[in-house]
Amino acid sequence: MVNSSGRASGQKAHLLLPTLKENDTHCIDFHYYFSSRDRSSPGALNVYVKVNGGPQGNPVWNVSGVVTEGWVKAELAISTFWPHFYQI
């Protein structure tokens, strides 16, 4: 869990899953909750796939600027058949 309450605008947090080594499709389920003190834009949540220890690259999923009413479930299917390992 990454809690950003009380943080300054523009700060970032990173949460990394363990490295996946199978060349297959993996389902990633998570919940997110966006809020802000003034009900304005709460920021952004991005999901990246880092392949073979390389650079972060572009997001494969994102949501931004939406205040949610409670927790929202997200489900992603991540497929990488070549190269050999990746991290989300």
C-alpha atoms as a PDB file:
ATOM      1  CA  MET A   1       0.000   0.000   0.000  1.00  0.00           C
ATOM      2  CA  VAL A   2       1.207   3.473  -0.843  1.00  0.00           C
ATOM      3  CA  ASN A   3      -0.406   6.277   1.154  1.00  0.00           C
ATOM      4  CA  SER A   4       0.170   9.730  -0.280  1.00  0.00           C
ATOM      5  CA  SER A   5      -1.882  11.727   2.215  1.00  0.00           C
ATOM      6  CA  GLY A   6       0.091  14.567   3.744  1.00  0.00           C
ATOM      7  CA  ARG A   7       2.612  14.580   0.901  1.00  0.00           C
ATOM      8  CA  ALA A   8       3.605  17.596  -1.182  1.00  0.00           C
ATOM      9  CA  SER A   9       2.280  17.985  -4.705  1.00  0.00           C
ATOM     10  CA  GLY A  10       4.469  16.345  -7.330  1.00  0.00           C
ATOM     11  CA  GLN A  11       5.973  13.677  -5.086  1.00  0.00           C
ATOM     12  CA  LYS A  12       6.045  10.108  -6.436  1.00  0.00           C
ATOM     13  CA  ALA A  13       6.001   6.640  -4.932  1.00  0.00           C
ATOM     14  CA  HIS A  14       7.021   3.355  -6.557  1.00  0.00           C
ATOM     15  CA  LEU A  15       5.683  -0.076  -5.659  1.00  0.00           C
ATOM     16  CA  LEU A  16       7.414  -2.969  -7.461  1.00  0.00           C
ATOM     17  CA  LEU A  17       6.163  -6.544  -7.767  1.00  0.00           C
ATOM     18  CA  PRO A  18       8.673  -9.379  -7.658  1.00  0.00           C
ATOM     19  CA  THR A  19      10.269 -10.251 -11.003  1.00  0.00           C
ATOM     20  CA  LEU A  20       8.143 -12.568 -13.152  1.00  0.00           C
ATOM     21  CA  LYS A  21      10.178 -15.100 -15.102  1.00  0.00           C
ATOM     22  CA  GLU A  22       7.551 -17.096 -16.961  1.00  0.00           C
ATOM     23  CA  ASN A  23       6.799 -16.203 -20.574  1.00  0.00           C
ATOM     24  CA  ASP A  24       3.040 -16.138 -20.170  1.00  0.00           C
ATOM     25  CA  THR A  25       0.066 -13.914 -19.359  1.00  0.00           C
ATOM     26  CA  HIS A  26      -0.281 -12.804 -15.741  1.00  0.00           C
ATOM     27  CA  CYS A  27      -3.378 -11.265 -14.175  1.00  0.00           C
ATOM     28  CA  ILE A  28      -2.691  -8.326 -11.895  1.00  0.00           C
ATOM     29  CA  ASP A  29      -5.523  -7.276  -9.567  1.00  0.00           C
ATOM     30  CA  PHE A  30      -5.316  -4.228  -7.325  1.00  0.00           C
ATOM     31  CA  HIS A  31      -7.523  -1.593  -5.731  1.00  0.00           C
ATOM     32  CA  TYR A  32      -7.004   2.157  -5.768  1.00  0.00           C
ATOM     33  CA  TYR A  33      -8.641   5.105  -4.040  1.00  0.00           C
ATOM     34  CA  PHE A  34      -8.244   8.701  -5.207  1.00  0.00           C
ATOM     35  CA  SER A  35      -9.137  11.657  -3.046  1.00  0.00           C
ATOM     36  CA  SER A  36      -7.983  15.201  -2.446  1.00  0.00           C
ATOM     37  CA  ARG A  37      -8.660  17.791   0.204  1.00  0.00           C
ATOM     38  CA  ASP A  38     -10.337  20.235  -2.167  1.00  0.00           C
ATOM     39  CA  ARG A  39     -11.979  17.566  -4.428  1.00  0.00           C
ATOM     40  CA  SER A  40      -9.801  18.743  -7.330  1.00  0.00           C
ATOM     41  CA  SER A  41      -7.404  16.611  -9.360  1.00  0.00           C
ATOM     42  CA  PRO A  42      -5.823  14.043  -7.020  1.00  0.00           C
ATOM     43  CA  GLY A  43      -2.931  13.137  -9.300  1.00  0.00           C
ATOM     44  CA  ALA A  44      -2.223  10.024 -11.380  1.00  0.00           C
ATOM     45  CA  LEU A  45      -1.667   6.297 -11.017  1.00  0.00           C
ATOM     46  CA  ASN A  46       0.419   4.578 -13.708  1.00  0.00           C
ATOM     47  CA  VAL A  47       1.318   0.906 -14.213  1.00  0.00           C
ATOM     48  CA  TYR A  48       4.536   0.168 -16.085  1.00  0.00           C
ATOM     49  CA  VAL A  49       6.191  -3.035 -17.282  1.00  0.00           C
ATOM     50  CA  LYS A  50       9.966  -3.074 -16.957  1.00  0.00           C
ATOM     51  CA  VAL A  51      11.424  -5.703 -19.308  1.00  0.00           C
ATOM     52  CA  ASN A  52      14.754  -7.507 -18.709  1.00  0.00           C
ATOM     53  CA  GLY A  53      15.814  -4.870 -16.163  1.00  0.00           C
ATOM     54  CA  GLY A  54      15.600  -2.161 -18.806  1.00  0.00           C
ATOM     55  CA  PRO A  55      14.078   1.317 -18.567  1.00  0.00           C
ATOM     56  CA  GLN A  56      10.615   1.977 -17.186  1.00  0.00           C
ATOM     57  CA  GLY A  57       9.057   2.745 -20.584  1.00  0.00           C
ATOM     58  CA  ASN A  58       5.508   3.950 -21.189  1.00  0.00           C
ATOM     59  CA  PRO A  59       2.543   3.119 -18.943  1.00  0.00           C
ATOM     60  CA  VAL A  60       0.482   0.057 -19.923  1.00  0.00           C
ATOM     61  CA  TRP A  61      -2.413   1.390 -17.790  1.00  0.00           C
ATOM     62  CA  ASN A  62      -3.192   4.687 -16.087  1.00  0.00           C
ATOM     63  CA  VAL A  63      -5.885   6.747 -14.412  1.00  0.00           C
ATOM     64  CA  SER A  64      -5.678  10.406 -13.453  1.00  0.00           C
ATOM     65  CA  GLY A  65      -7.658  13.394 -12.275  1.00  0.00           C
ATOM     66  CA  VAL A  66     -10.677  11.450 -11.009  1.00  0.00           C
ATOM     67  CA  VAL A  67     -11.787  11.503  -7.377  1.00  0.00           C
ATOM     68  CA  THR A  68     -13.245   8.065  -6.602  1.00  0.00           C
ATOM     69  CA  GLU A  69     -16.105   7.186  -4.308  1.00  0.00           C
ATOM     70  CA  GLY A  70     -14.339   4.482  -2.313  1.00  0.00           C
ATOM     71  CA  TRP A  71     -11.972   1.783  -3.538  1.00  0.00           C
ATOM     72  CA  VAL A  72     -11.988   0.848  -7.231  1.00  0.00           C
ATOM     73  CA  LYS A  73     -10.792  -2.557  -8.454  1.00  0.00           C
ATOM     74  CA  ALA A  74      -8.531  -2.759 -11.503  1.00  0.00           C
ATOM     75  CA  GLU A  75      -7.691  -5.974 -13.341  1.00  0.00           C
ATOM     76  CA  LEU A  76      -4.910  -6.143 -15.919  1.00  0.00           C
ATOM     77  CA  ALA A  77      -3.680  -8.963 -18.140  1.00  0.00           C
ATOM     78  CA  ILE A  78       0.041  -8.532 -18.768  1.00  0.00           C
ATOM     79  CA  SER A  79       1.500 -10.659 -21.571  1.00  0.00           C
ATOM     80  CA  THR A  80       5.182 -10.920 -22.322  1.00  0.00           C
ATOM     81  CA  PHE A  81       6.355 -13.909 -24.305  1.00  0.00           C
ATOM     82  CA  TRP A  82       9.789 -12.652 -25.205  1.00  0.00           C
ATOM     83  CA  PRO A  83      12.114 -11.590 -23.420  1.00  0.00           C
ATOM     84  CA  HIS A  84      12.575 -13.796 -20.425  1.00  0.00           C
ATOM     85  CA  PHE A  85      11.697 -11.707 -17.349  1.00  0.00           C
ATOM     86  CA  TYR A  86       9.809  -8.573 -16.419  1.00  0.00           C
ATOM     87  CA  GLN A  87       8.675  -6.524 -13.451  1.00  0.00           C
ATOM     88  CA  ILE A  88       5.459  -4.563 -12.916  1.00  0.00           C
END
